[in-house]
C-alpha atoms as a PDB file:
ATOM      1  CA  MET A   1     302.533 152.445  95.612  1.00  0.00           C
ATOM      2  CA  ILE A   2     301.666 155.738  97.366  1.00  0.00           C
ATOM      3  CA  PRO A   3     301.118 154.150 100.818  1.00  0.00           C
ATOM      4  CA  ILE A   4     304.419 152.286 100.461  1.00  0.00           C
ATOM      5  CA  LEU A   5     306.179 155.538  99.519  1.00  0.00           C
ATOM      6  CA  LEU A   6     304.639 157.346 102.496  1.00  0.00           C
ATOM      7  CA  VAL A   7     305.790 154.621 104.866  1.00  0.00           C
ATOM      8  CA  PHE A   8     309.310 154.870 103.446  1.00  0.00           C
ATOM      9  CA  LEU A   9     309.380 158.644 103.767  1.00  0.00           C
ATOM     10  CA  MET A  10     308.043 158.517 107.316  1.00  0.00           C
ATOM     11  CA  GLY A  11     310.808 156.054 108.174  1.00  0.00           C
ATOM     12  CA  CYS A  12     313.372 158.617 106.994  1.00  0.00           C
ATOM     13  CA  VAL A  13     312.072 161.453 109.160  1.00  0.00           C
ATOM     14  CA  LYS A  14     314.631 162.405 111.774  1.00  0.00           C
ATOM     15  CA  GLN A  15     313.322 162.222 115.325  1.00  0.00           C
ATOM     16  CA  PRO A  16     314.901 164.016 118.281  1.00  0.00           C
ATOM     17  CA  PHE A  17     316.774 162.731 121.303  1.00  0.00           C
ATOM     18  CA  ILE A  18     315.718 165.074 124.100  1.00  0.00           C
ATOM     19  CA  LEU A  19     317.939 165.349 127.173  1.00  0.00           C
ATOM     20  CA  THR A  20     316.336 166.485 130.435  1.00  0.00           C
ATOM     21  CA  ASP A  21     319.207 168.721 131.525  1.00  0.00           C
ATOM     22  CA  THR A  22     317.519 171.936 132.675  1.00  0.00           C
ATOM     23  CA  TYR A  23     316.079 173.079 136.000  1.00  0.00           C
ATOM     24  CA  ALA A  24     312.601 173.066 134.398  1.00  0.00           C
ATOM     25  CA  ASP A  25     313.133 169.433 133.398  1.00  0.00           C
ATOM     26  CA  ALA A  26     313.967 168.521 136.996  1.00  0.00           C
ATOM     27  CA  VAL A  27     310.805 170.224 138.232  1.00  0.00           C
ATOM     28  CA  TYR A  28     308.739 168.453 135.576  1.00  0.00           C
ATOM     29  CA  GLU A  29     310.223 165.046 136.477  1.00  0.00           C
ATOM     30  CA  GLY A  30     309.817 165.695 140.212  1.00  0.00           C
ATOM     31  CA  VAL A  31     313.481 165.292 141.121  1.00  0.00           C
ATOM     32  CA  ASP A  32     316.084 167.526 142.738  1.00  0.00           C
ATOM     33  CA  PRO A  33     318.313 169.181 140.095  1.00  0.00           C
ATOM     34  CA  VAL A  34     321.449 167.787 141.754  1.00  0.00           C
ATOM     35  CA  TRP A  35     320.800 165.226 144.474  1.00  0.00           C
ATOM     36  CA  VAL A  36     319.438 161.718 143.935  1.00  0.00           C
ATOM     37  CA  ALA A  37     316.770 160.493 146.387  1.00  0.00           C
ATOM     38  CA  PRO A  38     316.337 156.853 147.547  1.00  0.00           C
ATOM     39  CA  TRP A  39     312.924 156.538 145.839  1.00  0.00           C
ATOM     40  CA  GLU A  40     314.615 157.054 142.462  1.00  0.00           C
ATOM     41  CA  ASP A  41     316.158 153.604 142.881  1.00  0.00           C
ATOM     42  CA  GLY A  42     312.765 152.120 143.651  1.00  0.00           C
ATOM     43  CA  MET A  43     310.474 150.625 141.008  1.00  0.00           C
ATOM     44  CA  ARG A  44     309.614 153.255 138.380  1.00  0.00           C
ATOM     45  CA  THR A  45     307.258 151.233 136.161  1.00  0.00           C
ATOM     46  CA  ASP A  46     304.301 148.967 136.866  1.00  0.00           C
ATOM     47  CA  GLY A  47     306.092 145.979 135.357  1.00  0.00           C
ATOM     48  CA  GLY A  48     303.315 145.580 132.793  1.00  0.00           C
ATOM     49  CA  LYS A  49     303.240 145.476 129.017  1.00  0.00           C
ATOM     50  CA  ASN A  50     305.347 147.987 127.088  1.00  0.00           C
ATOM     51  CA  THR A  51     307.758 148.551 129.987  1.00  0.00           C
ATOM     52  CA  VAL A  52     311.131 147.111 130.927  1.00  0.00           C
ATOM     53  CA  GLU A  53     313.120 147.859 134.085  1.00  0.00           C
ATOM     54  CA  TRP A  54     316.386 146.562 135.434  1.00  0.00           C
ATOM     55  CA  TRP A  55     318.738 146.952 138.418  1.00  0.00           C
ATOM     56  CA  TYR A  56     322.368 146.195 137.536  1.00  0.00           C
ATOM     57  CA  PHE A  57     325.528 145.556 139.576  1.00  0.00           C
ATOM     58  CA  ASP A  58     329.061 144.673 138.633  1.00  0.00           C
ATOM     59  CA  GLY A  59     332.034 144.030 140.891  1.00  0.00           C
ATOM     60  CA  HIS A  60     335.747 143.967 140.049  1.00  0.00           C
ATOM     61  CA  PHE A  61     337.715 142.257 142.811  1.00  0.00           C
ATOM     62  CA  ASP A  62     341.349 142.325 143.892  1.00  0.00           C
ATOM     63  CA  ASP A  63     341.963 138.631 143.167  1.00  0.00           C
ATOM     64  CA  GLY A  64     340.763 139.006 139.536  1.00  0.00           C
ATOM     65  CA  THR A  65     337.205 137.776 140.105  1.00  0.00           C
ATOM     66  CA  THR A  66     334.443 139.743 138.371  1.00  0.00           C
ATOM     67  CA  VAL A  67     330.714 139.478 139.040  1.00  0.00           C
ATOM     68  CA  ALA A  68     327.802 140.937 137.076  1.00  0.00           C
ATOM     69  CA  ILE A  69     324.215 140.764 138.350  1.00  0.00           C
ATOM     70  CA  ASN A  70     321.011 141.990 136.743  1.00  0.00           C
ATOM     71  CA  PHE A  71     317.441 141.900 138.073  1.00  0.00           C
ATOM     72  CA  LEU A  72     315.007 142.540 135.188  1.00  0.00           C
ATOM     73  CA  THR A  73     311.230 142.787 135.068  1.00  0.00           C
ATOM     74  CA  LYS A  74     311.457 141.015 131.688  1.00  0.00           C
ATOM     75  CA  PRO A  75     313.899 140.489 128.796  1.00  0.00           C
ATOM     76  CA  ILE A  76     314.669 143.736 126.974  1.00  0.00           C
ATOM     77  CA  MET A  77     313.443 142.311 123.641  1.00  0.00           C
ATOM     78  CA  LYS A  78     310.120 141.187 125.190  1.00  0.00           C
ATOM     79  CA  ARG A  79     308.838 144.562 126.345  1.00  0.00           C
ATOM     80  CA  GLY A  80     305.322 143.755 125.126  1.00  0.00           C
ATOM     81  CA  GLN A  81     304.895 140.865 127.533  1.00  0.00           C
ATOM     82  CA  PRO A  82     303.443 141.081 131.041  1.00  0.00           C
ATOM     83  CA  LEU A  83     305.779 140.823 134.031  1.00  0.00           C
ATOM     84  CA  THR A  84     308.298 138.064 133.210  1.00  0.00           C
ATOM     85  CA  PRO A  85     311.145 138.375 135.739  1.00  0.00           C
ATOM     86  CA  LYS A  86     314.642 137.507 134.576  1.00  0.00           C
ATOM     87  CA  LEU A  87     317.726 137.049 136.756  1.00  0.00           C
ATOM     88  CA  GLU A  88     321.176 137.256 135.195  1.00  0.00           C
ATOM     89  CA  LEU A  89     324.387 136.252 136.960  1.00  0.00           C
ATOM     90  CA  THR A  90     327.881 136.046 135.490  1.00  0.00           C
ATOM     91  CA  VAL A  91     330.918 135.055 137.551  1.00  0.00           C
ATOM     92  CA  THR A  92     334.379 135.132 135.996  1.00  0.00           C
ATOM     93  CA  GLU A  93     337.089 133.505 138.055  1.00  0.00           C
ATOM     94  CA  PRO A  94     340.660 134.837 138.285  1.00  0.00           C
ATOM     95  CA  ASP A  95     341.839 132.281 135.682  1.00  0.00           C
ATOM     96  CA  GLY A  96     339.227 133.492 133.182  1.00  0.00           C
ATOM     97  CA  THR A  97     336.731 130.646 133.671  1.00  0.00           C
ATOM     98  CA  THR A  98     333.233 132.104 133.237  1.00  0.00           C
ATOM     99  CA  HIS A  99     329.975 130.806 134.730  1.00  0.00           C
ATOM    100  CA  GLN A 100     326.658 132.239 133.522  1.00  0.00           C
ATOM    101  CA  SER A 101     323.044 131.819 134.512  1.00  0.00           C
ATOM    102  CA  PHE A 102     320.060 133.479 132.812  1.00  0.00           C
ATOM    103  CA  THR A 103     316.832 132.299 134.435  1.00  0.00           C
ATOM    104  CA  PHE A 104     313.187 133.233 133.906  1.00  0.00           C
ATOM    105  CA  HIS A 105     310.656 133.233 136.722  1.00  0.00           C
ATOM    106  CA  ASP A 106     306.946 133.528 137.379  1.00  0.00           C
ATOM    107  CA  ALA A 107     305.401 136.916 138.077  1.00  0.00           C
ATOM    108  CA  GLU A 108     304.617 135.914 141.662  1.00  0.00           C
ATOM    109  CA  ASP A 109     308.344 135.334 142.255  1.00  0.00           C
ATOM    110  CA  PHE A 110     309.004 139.066 141.814  1.00  0.00           C
ATOM    111  CA  SER A 111     308.494 141.994 144.165  1.00  0.00           C
ATOM    112  CA  SER A 112     309.912 145.507 144.402  1.00  0.00           C
ATOM    113  CA  SER A 113     309.409 148.616 146.503  1.00  0.00           C
ATOM    114  CA  ALA A 114     308.705 152.071 145.053  1.00  0.00           C
ATOM    115  CA  GLU A 115     310.369 153.774 148.056  1.00  0.00           C
ATOM    116  CA  HIS A 116     313.927 152.482 147.606  1.00  0.00           C
ATOM    117  CA  CYS A 117     315.813 149.585 146.031  1.00  0.00           C
ATOM    118  CA  ASP A 118     314.256 146.406 147.404  1.00  0.00           C
ATOM    119  CA  VAL A 119     313.971 143.883 144.580  1.00  0.00           C
ATOM    120  CA  ARG A 120     313.299 140.171 144.936  1.00  0.00           C
ATOM    121  CA  ILE A 121     313.229 137.382 142.379  1.00  0.00           C
ATOM    122  CA  LEU A 122     312.432 134.147 144.176  1.00  0.00           C
ATOM    123  CA  ASP A 123     315.181 133.782 146.829  1.00  0.00           C
ATOM    124  CA  SER A 124     317.511 136.405 145.322  1.00  0.00           C
ATOM    125  CA  THR A 125     317.426 139.969 146.659  1.00  0.00           C
ATOM    126  CA  PHE A 126     318.914 143.388 145.876  1.00  0.00           C
ATOM    127  CA  GLN A 127     318.387 145.979 148.626  1.00  0.00           C
ATOM    128  CA  GLY A 128     319.818 149.383 149.471  1.00  0.00           C
ATOM    129  CA  ASP A 129     319.359 153.040 150.355  1.00  0.00           C
ATOM    130  CA  LEU A 130     321.932 154.759 148.065  1.00  0.00           C
ATOM    131  CA  GLU A 131     324.656 154.538 150.706  1.00  0.00           C
ATOM    132  CA  THR A 132     324.785 150.759 151.323  1.00  0.00           C
ATOM    133  CA  TYR A 133     323.485 147.812 149.306  1.00  0.00           C
ATOM    134  CA  THR A 134     323.295 144.096 149.975  1.00  0.00           C
ATOM    135  CA  LEU A 135     322.956 141.465 147.268  1.00  0.00           C
ATOM    136  CA  HIS A 136     322.087 137.814 147.711  1.00  0.00           C
ATOM    137  CA  VAL A 137     321.832 135.853 144.466  1.00  0.00           C
ATOM    138  CA  GLU A 138     321.151 132.155 143.993  1.00  0.00           C
ATOM    139  CA  ALA A 139     321.394 130.872 140.424  1.00  0.00           C
ATOM    140  CA  ASP A 140     322.052 127.285 139.343  1.00  0.00           C
ATOM    141  CA  ASP A 141     325.136 126.145 141.304  1.00  0.00           C
ATOM    142  CA  MET A 142     326.211 129.703 142.193  1.00  0.00           C
ATOM    143  CA  VAL A 143     325.565 131.821 145.284  1.00  0.00           C
ATOM    144  CA  VAL A 144     326.806 135.397 145.639  1.00  0.00           C
ATOM    145  CA  ASP A 145     326.577 137.465 148.834  1.00  0.00           C
ATOM    146  CA  LEU A 146     327.925 141.015 148.607  1.00  0.00           C
ATOM    147  CA  THR A 147     327.835 144.357 150.383  1.00  0.00           C
ATOM    148  CA  LEU A 148     328.379 147.555 148.397  1.00  0.00           C
ATOM    149  CA  ASP A 149     329.238 150.828 150.166  1.00  0.00           C
ATOM    150  CA  ARG A 150     329.031 154.010 148.081  1.00  0.00           C
ATOM    151  CA  GLU A 151     332.192 156.131 147.812  1.00  0.00           C
ATOM    152  CA  VAL A 152     331.202 158.521 144.979  1.00  0.00           C
ATOM    153  CA  PRO A 153     327.939 160.517 145.198  1.00  0.00           C
ATOM    154  CA  SER A 154     324.885 159.097 143.446  1.00  0.00           C
ATOM    155  CA  TRP A 155     324.477 160.609 139.978  1.00  0.00           C
ATOM    156  CA  ARG A 156     322.087 160.844 137.090  1.00  0.00           C
ATOM    157  CA  PRO A 157     322.314 162.722 133.781  1.00  0.00           C
ATOM    158  CA  GLY A 158     320.190 165.812 134.372  1.00  0.00           C
ATOM    159  CA  ALA A 159     316.713 164.789 135.462  1.00  0.00           C
ATOM    160  CA  GLY A 160     317.431 161.166 134.605  1.00  0.00           C
ATOM    161  CA  LYS A 161     315.565 160.638 131.330  1.00  0.00           C
ATOM    162  CA  VAL A 162     316.194 160.744 127.610  1.00  0.00           C
ATOM    163  CA  TYR A 163     313.031 161.199 125.533  1.00  0.00           C
ATOM    164  CA  PHE A 164     312.727 159.778 122.031  1.00  0.00           C
ATOM    165  CA  ASP A 165     309.824 161.874 120.742  1.00  0.00           C
ATOM    166  CA  ALA A 166     308.908 165.552 120.697  1.00  0.00           C
ATOM    167  CA  ASP A 167     305.803 164.900 122.821  1.00  0.00           C
ATOM    168  CA  ARG A 168     307.965 163.361 125.557  1.00  0.00           C
ATOM    169  CA  THR A 169     305.937 160.186 125.857  1.00  0.00           C
ATOM    170  CA  GLN A 170     308.664 157.606 125.113  1.00  0.00           C
ATOM    171  CA  TYR A 171     311.794 157.524 127.222  1.00  0.00           C
ATOM    172  CA  LEU A 172     314.740 155.712 128.750  1.00  0.00           C
ATOM    173  CA  GLY A 173     315.435 156.468 132.406  1.00  0.00           C
ATOM    174  CA  TRP A 174     318.852 156.145 134.026  1.00  0.00           C
ATOM    175  CA  VAL A 175     320.056 156.739 137.574  1.00  0.00           C
ATOM    176  CA  VAL A 176     323.399 155.662 139.062  1.00  0.00           C
ATOM    177  CA  PRO A 177     323.056 155.201 142.829  1.00  0.00           C
ATOM    178  CA  VAL A 178     326.662 153.955 143.162  1.00  0.00           C
ATOM    179  CA  PRO A 179     329.104 155.186 140.488  1.00  0.00           C
ATOM    180  CA  HIS A 180     331.898 153.658 142.554  1.00  0.00           C
ATOM    181  CA  GLY A 181     331.957 151.853 145.865  1.00  0.00           C
ATOM    182  CA  ALA A 182     333.727 149.302 148.044  1.00  0.00           C
ATOM    183  CA  ALA A 183     332.424 145.764 147.540  1.00  0.00           C
ATOM    184  CA  THR A 184     333.053 142.788 149.807  1.00  0.00           C
ATOM    185  CA  GLY A 185     331.525 139.363 150.294  1.00  0.00           C
ATOM    186  CA  THR A 186     331.668 135.753 149.149  1.00  0.00           C
ATOM    187  CA  VAL A 187     331.257 133.929 145.852  1.00  0.00           C
ATOM    188  CA  THR A 188     330.281 130.272 145.627  1.00  0.00           C
ATOM    189  CA  VAL A 189     330.531 128.095 142.519  1.00  0.00           C
ATOM    190  CA  GLY A 190     329.681 124.455 143.066  1.00  0.00           C
ATOM    191  CA  ASP A 191     331.388 123.290 146.257  1.00  0.00           C
ATOM    192  CA  ARG A 192     333.960 126.140 146.246  1.00  0.00           C
ATOM    193  CA  THR A 193     333.485 129.396 148.198  1.00  0.00           C
ATOM    194  CA  TRP A 194     335.949 132.260 148.294  1.00  0.00           C
ATOM    195  CA  ASP A 195     336.069 135.731 149.827  1.00  0.00           C
ATOM    196  CA  VAL A 196     336.216 138.767 147.551  1.00  0.00           C
ATOM    197  CA  THR A 197     337.172 142.386 148.208  1.00  0.00           C
ATOM    198  CA  GLY A 198     337.269 145.139 145.632  1.00  0.00           C
ATOM    199  CA  THR A 199     335.100 147.733 143.922  1.00  0.00           C
ATOM    200  CA  GLY A 200     331.532 147.801 142.674  1.00  0.00           C
ATOM    201  CA  TYR A 201     329.027 149.761 140.614  1.00  0.00           C
ATOM    202  CA  HIS A 202     325.219 149.901 140.543  1.00  0.00           C
ATOM    203  CA  ASP A 203     322.805 151.570 138.167  1.00  0.00           C
ATOM    204  CA  HIS A 204     319.089 151.377 137.388  1.00  0.00           C
ATOM    205  CA  ASN A 205     317.257 151.772 134.051  1.00  0.00           C
ATOM    206  CA  TRP A 206     313.630 151.799 132.988  1.00  0.00           C
ATOM    207  CA  THR A 207     311.833 152.424 129.704  1.00  0.00           C
ATOM    208  CA  ASN A 208     308.340 152.430 128.265  1.00  0.00           C
ATOM    209  CA  THR A 209     309.312 151.963 124.631  1.00  0.00           C
ATOM    210  CA  ASP A 210     311.127 149.628 122.296  1.00  0.00           C
ATOM    211  CA  ILE A 211     314.603 151.161 122.577  1.00  0.00           C
ATOM    212  CA  SER A 212     315.772 149.148 119.570  1.00  0.00           C
ATOM    213  CA  LYS A 213     313.753 151.514 117.375  1.00  0.00           C
ATOM    214  CA  PRO A 214     315.473 154.827 118.211  1.00  0.00           C
ATOM    215  CA  ILE A 215     318.870 153.314 119.109  1.00  0.00           C
ATOM    216  CA  ASP A 216     321.080 151.298 116.775  1.00  0.00           C
ATOM    217  CA  HIS A 217     323.789 150.512 119.342  1.00  0.00           C
ATOM    218  CA  TRP A 218     325.474 151.840 122.451  1.00  0.00           C
ATOM    219  CA  TYR A 219     328.735 151.660 124.346  1.00  0.00           C
ATOM    220  CA  TRP A 220     328.478 151.982 128.110  1.00  0.00           C
ATOM    221  CA  GLY A 221     331.460 151.841 130.423  1.00  0.00           C
ATOM    222  CA  ARG A 222     332.597 152.520 133.944  1.00  0.00           C
ATOM    223  CA  GLY A 223     335.889 152.365 135.787  1.00  0.00           C
ATOM    224  CA  HIS A 224     337.978 153.537 138.716  1.00  0.00           C
ATOM    225  CA  ILE A 225     341.531 154.545 137.862  1.00  0.00           C
ATOM    226  CA  GLY A 226     343.724 156.132 140.520  1.00  0.00           C
ATOM    227  CA  PRO A 227     341.518 158.667 142.343  1.00  0.00           C
ATOM    228  CA  TYR A 228     339.184 159.029 139.347  1.00  0.00           C
ATOM    229  CA  THR A 229     335.825 157.423 138.554  1.00  0.00           C
ATOM    230  CA  THR A 230     334.598 157.461 134.951  1.00  0.00           C
ATOM    231  CA  LEU A 231     331.172 156.698 133.540  1.00  0.00           C
ATOM    232  CA  TYR A 232     329.871 157.114 129.996  1.00  0.00           C
ATOM    233  CA  ILE A 233     327.297 156.185 127.373  1.00  0.00           C
ATOM    234  CA  VAL A 234     327.890 156.784 123.680  1.00  0.00           C
ATOM    235  CA  ALA A 235     324.971 155.631 121.518  1.00  0.00           C
ATOM    236  CA  GLY A 236     324.167 155.841 117.843  1.00  0.00           C
ATOM    237  CA  GLY A 237     320.628 156.533 116.720  1.00  0.00           C
ATOM    238  CA  SER A 238     318.839 154.310 114.236  1.00  0.00           C
ATOM    239  CA  ARG A 239     318.177 155.300 110.624  1.00  0.00           C
ATOM    240  CA  ARG A 240     314.828 156.849 111.508  1.00  0.00           C
ATOM    241  CA  TRP A 241     316.545 158.971 114.157  1.00  0.00           C
ATOM    242  CA  GLY A 242     319.037 160.157 111.559  1.00  0.00           C
ATOM    243  CA  HIS A 243     321.878 158.184 113.197  1.00  0.00           C
ATOM    244  CA  ALA A 244     321.992 161.017 115.735  1.00  0.00           C
ATOM    245  CA  PRO A 245     324.480 160.529 118.583  1.00  0.00           C
ATOM    246  CA  LEU A 246     323.484 160.257 122.235  1.00  0.00           C
ATOM    247  CA  LYS A 247     326.335 161.013 124.642  1.00  0.00           C
ATOM    248  CA  LEU A 248     326.490 161.113 128.454  1.00  0.00           C
ATOM    249  CA  PHE A 249     329.618 161.398 130.615  1.00  0.00           C
ATOM    250  CA  MET A 250     330.643 161.726 134.259  1.00  0.00           C
ATOM    251  CA  LEU A 251     334.087 162.108 135.847  1.00  0.00           C
ATOM    252  CA  ALA A 252     334.703 162.218 139.597  1.00  0.00           C
ATOM    253  CA  GLU A 253     337.900 162.757 141.557  1.00  0.00           C
ATOM    254  CA  ASP A 254     337.674 160.962 144.913  1.00  0.00           C
ATOM    255  CA  ASP A 255     334.181 161.921 146.177  1.00  0.00           C
ATOM    256  CA  ARG A 256     333.780 165.064 144.044  1.00  0.00           C
ATOM    257  CA  ILE A 257     332.045 165.042 140.666  1.00  0.00           C
ATOM    258  CA  MET A 258     334.141 167.154 138.283  1.00  0.00           C
ATOM    259  CA  ILE A 259     332.353 166.695 134.931  1.00  0.00           C
ATOM    260  CA  SER A 260     328.670 165.951 134.431  1.00  0.00           C
ATOM    261  CA  GLY A 261     327.827 166.367 130.782  1.00  0.00           C
ATOM    262  CA  ALA A 262     328.934 165.297 127.341  1.00  0.00           C
ATOM    263  CA  GLU A 263     330.031 168.488 125.606  1.00  0.00           C
ATOM    264  CA  GLY A 264     333.095 167.726 123.499  1.00  0.00           C
ATOM    265  CA  LEU A 265     332.766 163.954 123.990  1.00  0.00           C
ATOM    266  CA  ASP A 266     334.014 161.724 121.172  1.00  0.00           C
ATOM    267  CA  LEU A 267     334.442 157.940 120.806  1.00  0.00           C
ATOM    268  CA  THR A 268     336.679 156.294 118.212  1.00  0.00           C
ATOM    269  CA  THR A 269     336.768 152.531 117.584  1.00  0.00           C
ATOM    270  CA  ARG A 270     339.546 150.613 115.823  1.00  0.00           C
ATOM    271  CA  GLU A 271     340.686 147.119 114.789  1.00  0.00           C
ATOM    272  CA  TYR A 272     337.428 145.163 114.518  1.00  0.00           C
ATOM    273  CA  THR A 273     337.424 141.400 115.038  1.00  0.00           C
ATOM    274  CA  THR A 274     335.912 138.872 112.637  1.00  0.00           C
ATOM    275  CA  ASP A 275     333.728 137.385 115.384  1.00  0.00           C
ATOM    276  CA  ASP A 276     329.933 137.217 115.181  1.00  0.00           C
ATOM    277  CA  PRO A 277     329.115 139.898 116.024  1.00  0.00           C
ATOM    278  CA  PRO A 278     332.344 141.814 115.300  1.00  0.00           C
ATOM    279  CA  TYR A 279     333.604 144.197 117.973  1.00  0.00           C
ATOM    280  CA  PRO A 280     336.487 146.672 118.223  1.00  0.00           C
ATOM    281  CA  GLN A 281     339.693 145.784 120.007  1.00  0.00           C
ATOM    282  CA  GLU A 282     340.516 149.425 120.662  1.00  0.00           C
ATOM    283  CA  LEU A 283     338.294 152.218 122.006  1.00  0.00           C
ATOM    284  CA  LEU A 284     339.440 155.783 122.467  1.00  0.00           C
ATOM    285  CA  LEU A 285     337.145 158.136 124.357  1.00  0.00           C
ATOM    286  CA  SER A 286     338.013 161.804 124.725  1.00  0.00           C
ATOM    287  CA  VAL A 287     336.256 164.796 126.239  1.00  0.00           C
ATOM    288  CA  GLU A 288     337.402 168.376 126.522  1.00  0.00           C
ATOM    289  CA  HIS A 289     336.043 170.257 129.513  1.00  0.00           C
ATOM    290  CA  GLU A 290     336.896 173.890 130.275  1.00  0.00           C
ATOM    291  CA  GLY A 291     340.169 173.590 128.392  1.00  0.00           C
ATOM    292  CA  THR A 292     341.186 170.271 129.982  1.00  0.00           C
ATOM    293  CA  LEU A 293     341.431 167.178 127.766  1.00  0.00           C
ATOM    294  CA  VAL A 294     340.441 163.831 129.317  1.00  0.00           C
ATOM    295  CA  THR A 295     341.090 160.601 127.417  1.00  0.00           C
ATOM    296  CA  LEU A 296     340.321 156.947 128.072  1.00  0.00           C
ATOM    297  CA  GLU A 297     342.002 154.302 125.937  1.00  0.00           C
ATOM    298  CA  MET A 298     340.632 150.747 126.219  1.00  0.00           C
ATOM    299  CA  LEU A 299     342.758 147.955 124.705  1.00  0.00           C
ATOM    300  CA  ASP A 300     342.654 144.158 124.351  1.00  0.00           C
ATOM    301  CA  PRO A 301     339.111 143.572 125.652  1.00  0.00           C
ATOM    302  CA  GLU A 302     338.255 140.226 127.225  1.00  0.00           C
ATOM    303  CA  ILE A 303     334.646 139.080 126.810  1.00  0.00           C
ATOM    304  CA  LEU A 304     332.970 138.545 130.185  1.00  0.00           C
ATOM    305  CA  GLU A 305     329.432 138.017 128.882  1.00  0.00           C
ATOM    306  CA  ARG A 306     327.974 137.371 125.458  1.00  0.00           C
ATOM    307  CA  GLU A 307     324.238 137.000 124.813  1.00  0.00           C
ATOM    308  CA  ASP A 308     322.183 136.726 121.650  1.00  0.00           C
ATOM    309  CA  LEU A 309     319.135 138.796 122.641  1.00  0.00           C
ATOM    310  CA  LEU A 310     316.870 136.705 120.406  1.00  0.00           C
ATOM    311  CA  SER A 311     317.899 133.416 122.033  1.00  0.00           C
ATOM    312  CA  SER A 312     314.766 133.287 124.194  1.00  0.00           C
ATOM    313  CA  MET A 313     312.495 133.437 121.134  1.00  0.00           C
ATOM    314  CA  SER A 314     311.022 130.296 119.563  1.00  0.00           C
ATOM    315  CA  PRO A 315     313.096 129.007 116.605  1.00  0.00           C
ATOM    316  CA  PRO A 316     310.618 130.165 113.906  1.00  0.00           C
ATOM    317  CA  VAL A 317     310.293 133.644 115.458  1.00  0.00           C
ATOM    318  CA  ARG A 318     314.051 133.903 115.950  1.00  0.00           C
ATOM    319  CA  TRP A 319     314.680 132.900 112.319  1.00  0.00           C
ATOM    320  CA  PHE A 320     312.201 135.487 111.063  1.00  0.00           C
ATOM    321  CA  LEU A 321     313.550 138.323 113.241  1.00  0.00           C
ATOM    322  CA  LYS A 322     317.121 137.546 112.195  1.00  0.00           C
ATOM    323  CA  LEU A 323     316.101 138.644 108.691  1.00  0.00           C
ATOM    324  CA  PHE A 324     315.689 142.209 110.009  1.00  0.00           C
ATOM    325  CA  MET A 325     317.907 142.503 113.089  1.00  0.00           C
ATOM    326  CA  ASP A 326     320.782 140.836 114.906  1.00  0.00           C
ATOM    327  CA  PRO A 327     320.719 142.128 118.496  1.00  0.00           C
ATOM    328  CA  TRP A 328     323.589 141.174 120.815  1.00  0.00           C
ATOM    329  CA  TYR A 329     324.822 142.124 124.244  1.00  0.00           C
ATOM    330  CA  LEU A 330     328.539 141.895 125.039  1.00  0.00           C
ATOM    331  CA  ARG A 331     330.324 142.870 128.251  1.00  0.00           C
ATOM    332  CA  PHE A 332     334.089 143.334 128.298  1.00  0.00           C
ATOM    333  CA  GLN A 333     336.969 143.899 130.671  1.00  0.00           C
ATOM    334  CA  ALA A 334     339.832 145.860 129.132  1.00  0.00           C
ATOM    335  CA  ASP A 335     343.192 147.374 129.989  1.00  0.00           C
ATOM    336  CA  THR A 336     342.497 151.102 130.274  1.00  0.00           C
ATOM    337  CA  ALA A 337     344.688 154.183 130.403  1.00  0.00           C
ATOM    338  CA  LEU A 338     343.248 157.442 131.740  1.00  0.00           C
ATOM    339  CA  THR A 339     345.041 160.673 130.854  1.00  0.00           C
ATOM    340  CA  ILE A 340     344.158 164.096 132.290  1.00  0.00           C
ATOM    341  CA  GLU A 341     346.640 166.754 131.173  1.00  0.00           C
ATOM    342  CA  ASP A 342     350.035 165.425 132.403  1.00  0.00           C
ATOM    343  CA  TYR A 343     348.513 162.728 134.673  1.00  0.00           C
ATOM    344  CA  THR A 344     348.246 159.134 133.390  1.00  0.00           C
ATOM    345  CA  ALA A 345     347.138 156.028 135.268  1.00  0.00           C
ATOM    346  CA  GLU A 346     346.099 152.525 134.245  1.00  0.00           C
ATOM    347  CA  ASN A 347     343.651 149.919 135.468  1.00  0.00           C
ATOM    348  CA  GLU A 348     341.165 147.401 134.105  1.00  0.00           C
ATOM    349  CA  THR A 349     337.688 148.771 133.398  1.00  0.00           C
ATOM    350  CA  ILE A 350     334.386 147.243 132.349  1.00  0.00           C
ATOM    351  CA  TYR A 351     332.319 148.297 129.350  1.00  0.00           C
ATOM    352  CA  GLU A 352     329.511 146.861 127.230  1.00  0.00           C
ATOM    353  CA  LEU A 353     328.378 146.914 123.642  1.00  0.00           C
ATOM    354  CA  MET A 354     324.656 146.650 122.950  1.00  0.00           C
ATOM    355  CA  LYS A 355     323.749 146.045 119.297  1.00  0.00           C
ATOM    356  CA  PHE A 356     320.118 146.132 118.152  1.00  0.00           C
END
């Protein structure tokens, strides 16, 4: 009885989320306090057990096409495995037709540079130097060739890490080489190829821990509305972490970053669906900065990607894990209104819901 009680009490102890937002943190992490360097978009882990790393891109094009691409060293829920590369590609056509490919590859099919972004999974590549990126992705009957040119300075929250323990041994890293850029290229599905022109986004994450333990869920979103670029993460801690919030926010006007922090940030969700898993049909994000109120209202989300994160497990393992967790990943496109004082503009933005 006593050991069981101790385990229960230990599970209730609140653990800290530690942001690396001071000059001393930047020195400790070996990064410039303000400017992002090309090596920060290079490989930050060894790809081995207990690590996961991914390079993500999404594009929102003028004809209504959207593309999401992810190069991963392994599935997020299989952190304990050795290098198990995964390539994810989702193409949504202007009429809403969605094509998805999630493929697993051998370790020898993967390579990546530590000096800059230069990732390869079999014949698919993701390369760039912060200013310009090229992507070539081959997956099932789809081929995507894109160029992304940065228009908003590369950004990271502080020194680029959130630690989940007081000893600073377990972390999630995040750097955003392209908060907003011009994207052009071609998309092929089957025997059809079409040109695309629009906007794009690229970020890079890495972790050495099971992020489903400290984090219960998160909302991440990005958009470009009028001259403004927005970027945010609002996460809720797990029970052991006291359901503590984790909030990060960036706002840029043209090529100037105006807000880099999360003080005064709040997210409200409304009108949940009855889907499995349920998700809100309305999100309202607000942040007050130096007396100026900024709000983002996301309405009528359309699902672009939906993935049961336990789907790659064997049926018996999946059944057993479902007794304790129900992790899902959903990506949406939503009508969004941005209001800054007396200025209001609208556009479609992309956001995701990760549930552990």
